[in-house]
C-alpha atoms as a PDB file:
ATOM      1  CA  MET A   1       3.330   4.149 -18.268  1.00  0.00           C
ATOM      2  CA  ASP A   2      -0.189   5.593 -18.011  1.00  0.00           C
ATOM      3  CA  LYS A   3      -0.905   3.979 -21.427  1.00  0.00           C
ATOM      4  CA  VAL A   4       0.347   0.690 -20.270  1.00  0.00           C
ATOM      5  CA  ASP A   5      -1.694   0.658 -17.190  1.00  0.00           C
ATOM      6  CA  ALA A   6      -4.734   1.620 -19.064  1.00  0.00           C
ATOM      7  CA  ALA A   7      -4.069  -1.258 -21.641  1.00  0.00           C
ATOM      8  CA  ILE A   8      -3.524  -3.714 -18.869  1.00  0.00           C
ATOM      9  CA  GLU A   9      -6.847  -2.899 -17.519  1.00  0.00           C
ATOM     10  CA  ARG A  10      -8.453  -3.706 -20.674  1.00  0.00           C
ATOM     11  CA  ILE A  11      -6.921  -7.230 -21.191  1.00  0.00           C
ATOM     12  CA  PRO A  12      -8.947  -9.866 -19.293  1.00  0.00           C
ATOM     13  CA  VAL A  13      -5.920 -12.201 -18.660  1.00  0.00           C
ATOM     14  CA  LEU A  14      -4.165  -9.236 -16.949  1.00  0.00           C
ATOM     15  CA  ALA A  15      -6.954  -7.207 -15.496  1.00  0.00           C
ATOM     16  CA  GLY A  16      -7.641  -9.038 -12.388  1.00  0.00           C
ATOM     17  CA  MET A  17      -3.801  -9.018 -11.429  1.00  0.00           C
ATOM     18  CA  ALA A  18      -2.316  -6.619  -8.788  1.00  0.00           C
ATOM     19  CA  ARG A  19      -0.390  -3.956 -10.723  1.00  0.00           C
ATOM     20  CA  ASP A  20       2.524  -4.534  -8.565  1.00  0.00           C
ATOM     21  CA  ASP A  21       2.795  -8.020  -9.544  1.00  0.00           C
ATOM     22  CA  ILE A  22       3.333  -7.008 -13.227  1.00  0.00           C
ATOM     23  CA  SER A  23       6.849  -5.953 -14.182  1.00  0.00           C
ATOM     24  CA  VAL A  24       7.032  -3.932 -17.394  1.00  0.00           C
ATOM     25  CA  GLU A  25      10.322  -3.706 -19.672  1.00  0.00           C
ATOM     26  CA  ARG A  26      10.054  -1.543 -22.983  1.00  0.00           C
ATOM     27  CA  LEU A  27      11.334  -3.468 -26.135  1.00  0.00           C
ATOM     28  CA  GLY A  28      12.155  -2.266 -29.600  1.00  0.00           C
ATOM     29  CA  GLY A  29       9.728  -0.868 -32.337  1.00  0.00           C
ATOM     30  CA  LEU A  30       9.934   1.695 -34.992  1.00  0.00           C
ATOM     31  CA  THR A  31       6.367   2.913 -34.963  1.00  0.00           C
ATOM     32  CA  ASN A  32       4.524   0.923 -32.142  1.00  0.00           C
ATOM     33  CA  LEU A  33       5.236   0.640 -28.432  1.00  0.00           C
ATOM     34  CA  VAL A  34       6.153  -2.915 -27.349  1.00  0.00           C
ATOM     35  CA  TYR A  35       6.711  -4.192 -23.886  1.00  0.00           C
ATOM     36  CA  ARG A  36       7.525  -7.432 -22.155  1.00  0.00           C
ATOM     37  CA  LEU A  37       5.317  -8.063 -19.213  1.00  0.00           C
ATOM     38  CA  GLU A  38       6.431 -10.364 -16.283  1.00  0.00           C
ATOM     39  CA  THR A  39       3.600 -11.712 -14.157  1.00  0.00           C
ATOM     40  CA  PRO A  40       2.904 -14.514 -11.750  1.00  0.00           C
ATOM     41  CA  ASP A  41       1.049 -16.514 -14.541  1.00  0.00           C
ATOM     42  CA  GLY A  42       3.683 -16.038 -17.382  1.00  0.00           C
ATOM     43  CA  THR A  43       5.465 -13.713 -19.593  1.00  0.00           C
ATOM     44  CA  TYR A  44       3.684 -11.772 -22.285  1.00  0.00           C
ATOM     45  CA  ALA A  45       4.335  -9.195 -25.017  1.00  0.00           C
ATOM     46  CA  LEU A  46       2.172  -6.151 -25.113  1.00  0.00           C
ATOM     47  CA  ARG A  47       1.758  -4.164 -28.127  1.00  0.00           C
ATOM     48  CA  LEU A  48       0.361  -0.604 -28.236  1.00  0.00           C
ATOM     49  CA  ALA A  49      -0.088   0.708 -31.661  1.00  0.00           C
ATOM     50  CA  GLY A  50       1.741   3.984 -32.586  1.00  0.00           C
ATOM     51  CA  ASP A  51       0.066   7.290 -33.081  1.00  0.00           C
ATOM     52  CA  GLY A  52      -0.869   7.892 -36.742  1.00  0.00           C
ATOM     53  CA  THR A  53      -0.622   4.272 -37.786  1.00  0.00           C
ATOM     54  CA  GLU A  54      -4.224   4.264 -38.375  1.00  0.00           C
ATOM     55  CA  GLU A  55      -3.736   6.077 -41.570  1.00  0.00           C
ATOM     56  CA  TYR A  56      -2.222   3.206 -43.272  1.00  0.00           C
ATOM     57  CA  ILE A  57      -2.799   0.068 -41.293  1.00  0.00           C
ATOM     58  CA  ASP A  58      -5.873  -1.883 -41.199  1.00  0.00           C
ATOM     59  CA  ARG A  59      -6.024  -3.335 -37.626  1.00  0.00           C
ATOM     60  CA  LYS A  60      -8.991  -5.879 -38.596  1.00  0.00           C
ATOM     61  CA  VAL A  61      -6.781  -7.348 -41.065  1.00  0.00           C
ATOM     62  CA  GLU A  62      -3.782  -7.402 -38.948  1.00  0.00           C
ATOM     63  CA  GLY A  63      -5.600  -9.241 -36.219  1.00  0.00           C
ATOM     64  CA  HIS A  64      -6.792 -11.987 -38.612  1.00  0.00           C
ATOM     65  CA  ASN A  65      -3.465 -12.560 -40.234  1.00  0.00           C
ATOM     66  CA  THR A  66      -1.540 -12.648 -36.939  1.00  0.00           C
ATOM     67  CA  LYS A  67      -3.960 -15.403 -35.666  1.00  0.00           C
ATOM     68  CA  VAL A  68      -3.458 -17.370 -38.864  1.00  0.00           C
ATOM     69  CA  ALA A  69       0.379 -16.949 -38.593  1.00  0.00           C
ATOM     70  CA  ALA A  70       0.116 -18.350 -35.051  1.00  0.00           C
ATOM     71  CA  ASP A  71      -2.172 -21.148 -36.294  1.00  0.00           C
ATOM     72  CA  ALA A  72       0.486 -22.022 -38.872  1.00  0.00           C
ATOM     73  CA  ASN A  73       3.008 -22.199 -35.936  1.00  0.00           C
ATOM     74  CA  VAL A  74       5.065 -19.233 -37.500  1.00  0.00           C
ATOM     75  CA  GLY A  75       4.114 -16.601 -35.134  1.00  0.00           C
ATOM     76  CA  PRO A  76       3.276 -16.678 -31.248  1.00  0.00           C
ATOM     77  CA  GLU A  77      -0.203 -17.283 -29.813  1.00  0.00           C
ATOM     78  CA  VAL A  78      -2.469 -14.307 -29.814  1.00  0.00           C
ATOM     79  CA  LEU A  79      -3.989 -13.847 -26.406  1.00  0.00           C
ATOM     80  CA  PHE A  80      -5.943 -10.650 -26.997  1.00  0.00           C
ATOM     81  CA  PHE A  81      -6.457  -8.282 -29.959  1.00  0.00           C
ATOM     82  CA  ASP A  82      -8.593  -5.149 -30.255  1.00  0.00           C
ATOM     83  CA  GLU A  83      -9.136  -4.264 -33.767  1.00  0.00           C
ATOM     84  CA  SER A  84     -10.484  -0.852 -32.959  1.00  0.00           C
ATOM     85  CA  ASP A  85      -6.991   0.393 -31.961  1.00  0.00           C
ATOM     86  CA  GLY A  86      -4.464  -2.484 -32.474  1.00  0.00           C
ATOM     87  CA  LEU A  87      -3.922  -3.264 -28.746  1.00  0.00           C
ATOM     88  CA  MET A  88      -2.541  -6.707 -28.647  1.00  0.00           C
ATOM     89  CA  LEU A  89      -1.256  -9.367 -26.192  1.00  0.00           C
ATOM     90  CA  LEU A  90       0.776 -12.182 -27.313  1.00  0.00           C
ATOM     91  CA  GLN A  91       2.671 -15.240 -25.983  1.00  0.00           C
ATOM     92  CA  PHE A  92       6.363 -14.199 -25.181  1.00  0.00           C
ATOM     93  CA  LEU A  93       8.804 -16.393 -26.970  1.00  0.00           C
ATOM     94  CA  GLY A  94      11.567 -17.078 -24.425  1.00  0.00           C
ATOM     95  CA  GLY A  95      15.097 -18.293 -25.271  1.00  0.00           C
ATOM     96  CA  CYS A  96      15.016 -16.513 -28.622  1.00  0.00           C
ATOM     97  CA  ALA A  97      17.437 -13.866 -30.046  1.00  0.00           C
ATOM     98  CA  THR A  98      15.859 -10.944 -31.842  1.00  0.00           C
ATOM     99  CA  MET A  99      17.701 -10.741 -35.197  1.00  0.00           C
ATOM    100  CA  THR A 100      19.299  -7.448 -36.322  1.00  0.00           C
ATOM    101  CA  PRO A 101      20.961  -6.392 -39.691  1.00  0.00           C
ATOM    102  CA  ASP A 102      24.186  -6.867 -37.740  1.00  0.00           C
ATOM    103  CA  THR A 103      23.599 -10.400 -36.479  1.00  0.00           C
ATOM    104  CA  PHE A 104      21.659 -11.871 -39.506  1.00  0.00           C
ATOM    105  CA  PRO A 105      24.467 -12.051 -41.965  1.00  0.00           C
ATOM    106  CA  VAL A 106      26.963 -13.592 -39.411  1.00  0.00           C
ATOM    107  CA  THR A 107      24.753 -15.948 -37.582  1.00  0.00           C
ATOM    108  CA  PRO A 108      25.403 -19.520 -38.924  1.00  0.00           C
ATOM    109  CA  GLY A 109      22.358 -20.981 -40.678  1.00  0.00           C
ATOM    110  CA  ALA A 110      20.334 -17.948 -40.209  1.00  0.00           C
ATOM    111  CA  PRO A 111      19.319 -17.419 -43.971  1.00  0.00           C
ATOM    112  CA  THR A 112      18.250 -21.076 -44.187  1.00  0.00           C
ATOM    113  CA  ARG A 113      16.265 -20.872 -40.898  1.00  0.00           C
ATOM    114  CA  ALA A 114      14.632 -17.893 -42.193  1.00  0.00           C
ATOM    115  CA  ALA A 115      13.780 -19.418 -45.604  1.00  0.00           C
ATOM    116  CA  ALA A 116      12.155 -22.527 -43.679  1.00  0.00           C
ATOM    117  CA  VAL A 117       9.923 -20.377 -41.552  1.00  0.00           C
ATOM    118  CA  LEU A 118       8.827 -18.180 -44.609  1.00  0.00           C
ATOM    119  CA  LYS A 119       8.250 -21.336 -46.607  1.00  0.00           C
ATOM    120  CA  GLN A 120       6.104 -22.664 -43.683  1.00  0.00           C
ATOM    121  CA  MET A 121       4.092 -19.557 -43.874  1.00  0.00           C
ATOM    122  CA  HIS A 122       3.674 -19.433 -47.531  1.00  0.00           C
ATOM    123  CA  SER A 123       2.552 -23.059 -47.719  1.00  0.00           C
ATOM    124  CA  HIS A 124      -0.186 -22.560 -45.065  1.00  0.00           C
ATOM    125  CA  PRO A 125      -3.544 -23.252 -46.583  1.00  0.00           C
ATOM    126  CA  GLU A 126      -5.607 -20.627 -44.732  1.00  0.00           C
ATOM    127  CA  PRO A 127      -5.401 -17.255 -46.745  1.00  0.00           C
ATOM    128  CA  PHE A 128      -4.597 -14.086 -45.328  1.00  0.00           C
ATOM    129  CA  GLU A 129      -7.029 -10.959 -45.641  1.00  0.00           C
ATOM    130  CA  PHE A 130      -5.750  -8.204 -47.781  1.00  0.00           C
ATOM    131  CA  ARG A 131      -3.925  -8.251 -51.264  1.00  0.00           C
ATOM    132  CA  PHE A 132      -0.581  -6.768 -50.886  1.00  0.00           C
ATOM    133  CA  GLU A 133      -0.230  -5.013 -54.336  1.00  0.00           C
ATOM    134  CA  LEU A 134       3.112  -3.005 -54.961  1.00  0.00           C
ATOM    135  CA  PHE A 135       2.021  -0.345 -57.272  1.00  0.00           C
ATOM    136  CA  ALA A 136      -1.444   0.167 -55.691  1.00  0.00           C
ATOM    137  CA  MET A 137       0.434   0.565 -52.256  1.00  0.00           C
ATOM    138  CA  ILE A 138       2.786   3.203 -53.702  1.00  0.00           C
ATOM    139  CA  ASP A 139      -0.247   5.090 -55.123  1.00  0.00           C
ATOM    140  CA  GLU A 140      -1.947   5.001 -51.768  1.00  0.00           C
ATOM    141  CA  TYR A 141       1.130   6.009 -49.753  1.00  0.00           C
ATOM    142  CA  LEU A 142       1.599   8.908 -52.235  1.00  0.00           C
ATOM    143  CA  LYS A 143      -2.106   9.966 -51.426  1.00  0.00           C
ATOM    144  CA  VAL A 144      -1.214   9.878 -47.572  1.00  0.00           C
ATOM    145  CA  LEU A 145       1.811  11.982 -48.249  1.00  0.00           C
ATOM    146  CA  ASP A 146       0.084  14.429 -50.309  1.00  0.00           C
ATOM    147  CA  GLY A 147      -2.652  14.910 -47.450  1.00  0.00           C
ATOM    148  CA  LEU A 148       0.378  15.406 -45.008  1.00  0.00           C
ATOM    149  CA  GLY A 149       1.983  18.121 -47.340  1.00  0.00           C
ATOM    150  CA  ALA A 150       5.175  16.024 -47.346  1.00  0.00           C
ATOM    151  CA  SER A 151       8.043  16.365 -49.918  1.00  0.00           C
ATOM    152  CA  LEU A 152       9.471  13.589 -52.128  1.00  0.00           C
ATOM    153  CA  PRO A 153      13.185  12.935 -52.835  1.00  0.00           C
ATOM    154  CA  ASP A 154      14.097  14.403 -56.117  1.00  0.00           C
ATOM    155  CA  GLY A 155      13.335  12.073 -59.104  1.00  0.00           C
ATOM    156  CA  TYR A 156      11.034   9.601 -57.157  1.00  0.00           C
ATOM    157  CA  HIS A 157       8.259   9.843 -59.894  1.00  0.00           C
ATOM    158  CA  ASP A 158      10.857   9.080 -62.566  1.00  0.00           C
ATOM    159  CA  VAL A 159      11.908   5.933 -60.851  1.00  0.00           C
ATOM    160  CA  VAL A 160       8.177   4.883 -60.506  1.00  0.00           C
ATOM    161  CA  LYS A 161       7.875   5.513 -64.161  1.00  0.00           C
ATOM    162  CA  GLU A 162      10.955   3.611 -65.012  1.00  0.00           C
ATOM    163  CA  ALA A 163       9.545   0.640 -62.759  1.00  0.00           C
ATOM    164  CA  GLU A 164       6.716   0.215 -65.278  1.00  0.00           C
ATOM    165  CA  THR A 165       9.071  -2.252 -67.132  1.00  0.00           C
ATOM    166  CA  VAL A 166       9.176  -4.348 -64.038  1.00  0.00           C
ATOM    167  CA  ARG A 167       5.452  -4.151 -63.537  1.00  0.00           C
ATOM    168  CA  ALA A 168       5.028  -5.469 -67.069  1.00  0.00           C
ATOM    169  CA  ALA A 169       7.335  -8.289 -66.564  1.00  0.00           C
ATOM    170  CA  LEU A 170       5.679  -9.315 -63.366  1.00  0.00           C
ATOM    171  CA  ASP A 171       2.321  -8.955 -64.843  1.00  0.00           C
ATOM    172  CA  LYS A 172       3.340 -11.256 -67.741  1.00  0.00           C
ATOM    173  CA  HIS A 173       4.162 -14.141 -65.508  1.00  0.00           C
ATOM    174  CA  PRO A 174       2.371 -13.412 -62.163  1.00  0.00           C
ATOM    175  CA  GLY A 175       3.459 -15.445 -59.086  1.00  0.00           C
ATOM    176  CA  GLU A 176       0.948 -17.725 -57.320  1.00  0.00           C
ATOM    177  CA  LEU A 177      -0.216 -15.787 -54.237  1.00  0.00           C
ATOM    178  CA  ALA A 178       0.389 -16.908 -50.830  1.00  0.00           C
ATOM    179  CA  PRO A 179       0.091 -15.715 -47.264  1.00  0.00           C
ATOM    180  CA  CYS A 180       3.149 -13.420 -46.823  1.00  0.00           C
ATOM    181  CA  HIS A 181       4.666 -11.190 -44.151  1.00  0.00           C
ATOM    182  CA  CYS A 182       5.527  -8.420 -46.664  1.00  0.00           C
ATOM    183  CA  ASP A 183       7.615  -6.514 -44.099  1.00  0.00           C
ATOM    184  CA  PRO A 184      10.323  -8.840 -43.079  1.00  0.00           C
ATOM    185  CA  LEU A 185      12.639  -6.496 -41.051  1.00  0.00           C
ATOM    186  CA  CYS A 186      15.321  -8.328 -39.376  1.00  0.00           C
ATOM    187  CA  GLU A 187      13.944  -7.555 -35.930  1.00  0.00           C
ATOM    188  CA  ASN A 188      10.762  -9.470 -36.950  1.00  0.00           C
ATOM    189  CA  PHE A 189      12.729 -12.544 -36.800  1.00  0.00           C
ATOM    190  CA  LEU A 190      13.257 -14.457 -33.491  1.00  0.00           C
ATOM    191  CA  ASP A 191      15.962 -17.149 -33.659  1.00  0.00           C
ATOM    192  CA  ASP A 192      16.318 -19.926 -30.987  1.00  0.00           C
ATOM    193  CA  GLY A 193      19.110 -21.535 -32.978  1.00  0.00           C
ATOM    194  CA  GLU A 194      16.987 -24.482 -34.175  1.00  0.00           C
ATOM    195  CA  ARG A 195      14.263 -22.475 -35.802  1.00  0.00           C
ATOM    196  CA  MET A 196      12.830 -18.875 -36.343  1.00  0.00           C
ATOM    197  CA  TRP A 197       9.569 -17.369 -35.524  1.00  0.00           C
ATOM    198  CA  VAL A 198       8.176 -14.217 -37.280  1.00  0.00           C
ATOM    199  CA  VAL A 199       6.198 -11.261 -35.536  1.00  0.00           C
ATOM    200  CA  ASP A 200       4.681  -8.043 -36.471  1.00  0.00           C
ATOM    201  CA  TRP A 201       2.057  -8.905 -39.202  1.00  0.00           C
ATOM    202  CA  GLU A 202       0.941  -5.235 -39.655  1.00  0.00           C
ATOM    203  CA  TYR A 203       1.583  -5.286 -43.493  1.00  0.00           C
ATOM    204  CA  SER A 204       0.886  -8.927 -44.256  1.00  0.00           C
ATOM    205  CA  GLY A 205      -1.374 -10.018 -46.935  1.00  0.00           C
ATOM    206  CA  MET A 206      -1.631 -12.261 -50.105  1.00  0.00           C
ATOM    207  CA  ASN A 207       1.447 -11.592 -52.279  1.00  0.00           C
ATOM    208  CA  ASP A 208       4.138 -13.126 -54.328  1.00  0.00           C
ATOM    209  CA  PRO A 209       6.294 -15.107 -51.761  1.00  0.00           C
ATOM    210  CA  LEU A 210       9.454 -13.957 -53.608  1.00  0.00           C
ATOM    211  CA  TRP A 211       8.695 -10.438 -52.209  1.00  0.00           C
ATOM    212  CA  ASP A 212       9.448 -11.856 -48.627  1.00  0.00           C
ATOM    213  CA  LEU A 213      12.685 -13.247 -49.735  1.00  0.00           C
ATOM    214  CA  GLY A 214      13.860 -10.177 -51.670  1.00  0.00           C
ATOM    215  CA  ASP A 215      12.833  -7.857 -48.918  1.00  0.00           C
ATOM    216  CA  LEU A 216      14.611  -9.881 -46.323  1.00  0.00           C
ATOM    217  CA  SER A 217      17.702 -10.013 -48.293  1.00  0.00           C
ATOM    218  CA  VAL A 218      17.805  -6.123 -48.373  1.00  0.00           C
ATOM    219  CA  GLU A 219      17.013  -5.740 -44.875  1.00  0.00           C
ATOM    220  CA  ALA A 220      19.671  -8.267 -43.629  1.00  0.00           C
ATOM    221  CA  GLY A 221      22.234  -6.999 -46.213  1.00  0.00           C
ATOM    222  CA  PHE A 222      22.792 -10.461 -47.654  1.00  0.00           C
ATOM    223  CA  ASP A 223      25.528 -10.904 -50.026  1.00  0.00           C
ATOM    224  CA  LEU A 224      25.518 -13.307 -53.040  1.00  0.00           C
ATOM    225  CA  GLU A 225      26.474 -16.252 -50.847  1.00  0.00           C
ATOM    226  CA  GLN A 226      23.793 -15.625 -48.172  1.00  0.00           C
ATOM    227  CA  ASP A 227      21.141 -14.852 -50.979  1.00  0.00           C
ATOM    228  CA  ARG A 228      22.116 -18.316 -52.494  1.00  0.00           C
ATOM    229  CA  GLU A 229      21.965 -20.048 -49.239  1.00  0.00           C
ATOM    230  CA  MET A 230      18.403 -18.661 -48.605  1.00  0.00           C
ATOM    231  CA  MET A 231      17.183 -19.609 -52.113  1.00  0.00           C
ATOM    232  CA  LEU A 232      18.590 -23.077 -52.123  1.00  0.00           C
ATOM    233  CA  ALA A 233      16.851 -23.737 -48.768  1.00  0.00           C
ATOM    234  CA  TYR A 234      13.652 -22.270 -49.684  1.00  0.00           C
ATOM    235  CA  CYS A 235      13.464 -23.930 -53.103  1.00  0.00           C
ATOM    236  CA  GLY A 236      14.855 -27.171 -52.035  1.00  0.00           C
ATOM    237  CA  GLY A 237      17.604 -27.003 -54.679  1.00  0.00           C
ATOM    238  CA  GLU A 238      18.757 -24.765 -57.404  1.00  0.00           C
ATOM    239  CA  PRO A 239      16.199 -22.016 -58.126  1.00  0.00           C
ATOM    240  CA  PRO A 240      15.160 -21.535 -61.675  1.00  0.00           C
ATOM    241  CA  ALA A 241      16.538 -18.185 -63.138  1.00  0.00           C
ATOM    242  CA  ALA A 242      13.195 -16.548 -63.274  1.00  0.00           C
ATOM    243  CA  VAL A 243      12.616 -17.367 -59.553  1.00  0.00           C
ATOM    244  CA  TYR A 244      15.911 -16.048 -58.529  1.00  0.00           C
ATOM    245  CA  GLY A 245      15.318 -13.043 -60.695  1.00  0.00           C
ATOM    246  CA  ARG A 246      12.032 -12.152 -58.953  1.00  0.00           C
ATOM    247  CA  MET A 247      13.812 -12.270 -55.636  1.00  0.00           C
ATOM    248  CA  VAL A 248      16.382  -9.784 -56.882  1.00  0.00           C
ATOM    249  CA  ILE A 249      13.892  -7.541 -58.641  1.00  0.00           C
ATOM    250  CA  TYR A 250      11.978  -7.171 -55.388  1.00  0.00           C
ATOM    251  CA  LYS A 251      15.109  -5.983 -53.641  1.00  0.00           C
ATOM    252  CA  ALA A 252      14.679  -2.838 -55.560  1.00  0.00           C
ATOM    253  CA  MET A 253      11.019  -2.695 -55.383  1.00  0.00           C
ATOM    254  CA  CYS A 254      10.690  -3.030 -51.698  1.00  0.00           C
ATOM    255  CA  ASP A 255      13.162   0.000 -51.382  1.00  0.00           C
ATOM    256  CA  LEU A 256      11.053   1.914 -53.812  1.00  0.00           C
ATOM    257  CA  LEU A 257       7.731   1.276 -51.482  1.00  0.00           C
ATOM    258  CA  TRP A 258       9.488   1.658 -48.145  1.00  0.00           C
ATOM    259  CA  THR A 259      10.952   4.919 -49.153  1.00  0.00           C
ATOM    260  CA  LEU A 260       7.472   6.295 -49.008  1.00  0.00           C
ATOM    261  CA  TRP A 261       6.702   4.595 -45.508  1.00  0.00           C
ATOM    262  CA  GLY A 262       9.845   6.337 -44.349  1.00  0.00           C
ATOM    263  CA  LEU A 263       8.618   9.756 -45.651  1.00  0.00           C
ATOM    264  CA  ILE A 264       5.356   9.176 -43.760  1.00  0.00           C
ATOM    265  CA  GLN A 265       7.019   8.541 -40.435  1.00  0.00           C
ATOM    266  CA  HIS A 266       9.123  11.740 -41.170  1.00  0.00           C
ATOM    267  CA  ALA A 267       5.908  13.740 -41.905  1.00  0.00           C
ATOM    268  CA  ASN A 268       4.347  12.309 -38.792  1.00  0.00           C
ATOM    269  CA  ASP A 269       7.354  13.544 -36.632  1.00  0.00           C
ATOM    270  CA  ASN A 270       8.063   9.937 -35.614  1.00  0.00           C
ATOM    271  CA  PRO A 271      11.106  10.532 -33.046  1.00  0.00           C
ATOM    272  CA  VAL A 272      12.569   6.994 -33.155  1.00  0.00           C
ATOM    273  CA  GLU A 273      15.255   7.814 -35.883  1.00  0.00           C
ATOM    274  CA  ASP A 274      15.995  10.266 -38.898  1.00  0.00           C
ATOM    275  CA  PHE A 275      13.248   9.104 -41.151  1.00  0.00           C
ATOM    276  CA  TRP A 276      14.177  11.482 -43.854  1.00  0.00           C
ATOM    277  CA  ALA A 277      17.634   9.978 -43.996  1.00  0.00           C
ATOM    278  CA  TYR A 278      16.086   6.631 -43.819  1.00  0.00           C
ATOM    279  CA  ALA A 279      13.870   7.254 -46.840  1.00  0.00           C
ATOM    280  CA  VAL A 280      16.478   8.989 -48.951  1.00  0.00           C
ATOM    281  CA  GLY A 281      18.913   6.004 -48.147  1.00  0.00           C
ATOM    282  CA  ARG A 282      16.427   3.370 -49.444  1.00  0.00           C
ATOM    283  CA  PHE A 283      15.593   5.549 -52.473  1.00  0.00           C
ATOM    284  CA  GLU A 284      19.367   5.918 -53.426  1.00  0.00           C
ATOM    285  CA  ARG A 285      19.727   2.066 -52.942  1.00  0.00           C
ATOM    286  CA  CYS A 286      16.697   1.576 -55.235  1.00  0.00           C
ATOM    287  CA  LYS A 287      18.297   3.427 -57.924  1.00  0.00           C
ATOM    288  CA  THR A 288      21.620   1.776 -57.476  1.00  0.00           C
ATOM    289  CA  LEU A 289      20.062  -1.770 -57.858  1.00  0.00           C
ATOM    290  CA  MET A 290      18.171  -0.762 -60.871  1.00  0.00           C
ATOM    291  CA  ALA A 291      21.194   0.627 -62.649  1.00  0.00           C
ATOM    292  CA  ASP A 292      23.245  -2.546 -62.063  1.00  0.00           C
ATOM    293  CA  PRO A 293      23.607  -4.479 -65.319  1.00  0.00           C
ATOM    294  CA  GLU A 294      22.445  -7.716 -63.519  1.00  0.00           C
ATOM    295  CA  PHE A 295      19.096  -6.171 -62.781  1.00  0.00           C
ATOM    296  CA  ALA A 296      18.420  -6.086 -66.461  1.00  0.00           C
ATOM    297  CA  LYS A 297      19.512  -9.679 -66.763  1.00  0.00           C
ATOM    298  CA  HIS A 298      17.078 -10.602 -63.911  1.00  0.00           C
ATOM    299  CA  LEU A 299      14.389  -8.814 -65.512  1.00  0.00           C
ATOM    300  CA  ALA A 300      14.861 -10.594 -68.821  1.00  0.00           C
ATOM    301  CA  ALA A 301      14.765 -14.031 -67.040  1.00  0.00           C
ATOM    302  CA  ILE A 302      11.330 -13.038 -65.618  1.00  0.00           C
ATOM    303  CA  GLU A 303      10.144 -11.990 -69.023  1.00  0.00           C
ATOM    304  CA  ARG A 304      11.044 -15.394 -70.471  1.00  0.00           C
ATOM    305  CA  GLY A 305       9.222 -17.220 -67.634  1.00  0.00           C
END
């Protein structure tokens, strides 16, 4: 609470309030500290950046992109942001359920509403800062892990080498870049039953929009029917084979990348969960997806364009 009190004193909209008039409730978060603040003037979400996140998060980029997402009416209003350390105050979105891997697949219309809000962001004319590039980020995360003296799951480099076929296919027919979330965890979607909002733009950047859809499918555990609902809503009809294939290919590629993210959390002794098990689980799922005969068919569809 000392950190929360110090943060409140730095934020003009809060600094003049009596501390006894501000109630604080801890919310979720894997790497950051997030709190709901109830005040006489309204309800806010306070975010304190986690220790060690400066190694791989550019807070200046995050601040810009979070404000663009708010302008696009996709994310909440940003009331304060300090790019020196990521301290942020947001409008609190009341009446919304925070989605989870358990609720996303069983909530009627959730894949459709998620597709709609992602489409809204991807269609926004103002660009994000930063280019989210899968293989460059893999290299960057590997350098971070090397600096931390961390271990990799057996065979990781072999799978990265195998993924060169994916890289070649994607490079042959590159997707048009758009402002993307790039880390669509279920918990980053807030659902009021009519529409969804998206929060936590730490990893956002200009990217192939199909990354967001493939990553969401993996995070939410969508089955074939839910994937189809999402893609029909996003495309406004039957998606071309190459478009659907990109979504499926990115399912495996996001696991390949976020395996390394989990290993960084493990190396930094993040106590929120067992990040070694998290990383190994994602890596095993990546290998399973890439070994599925359907993966090769989707890759062929991308190559045909």
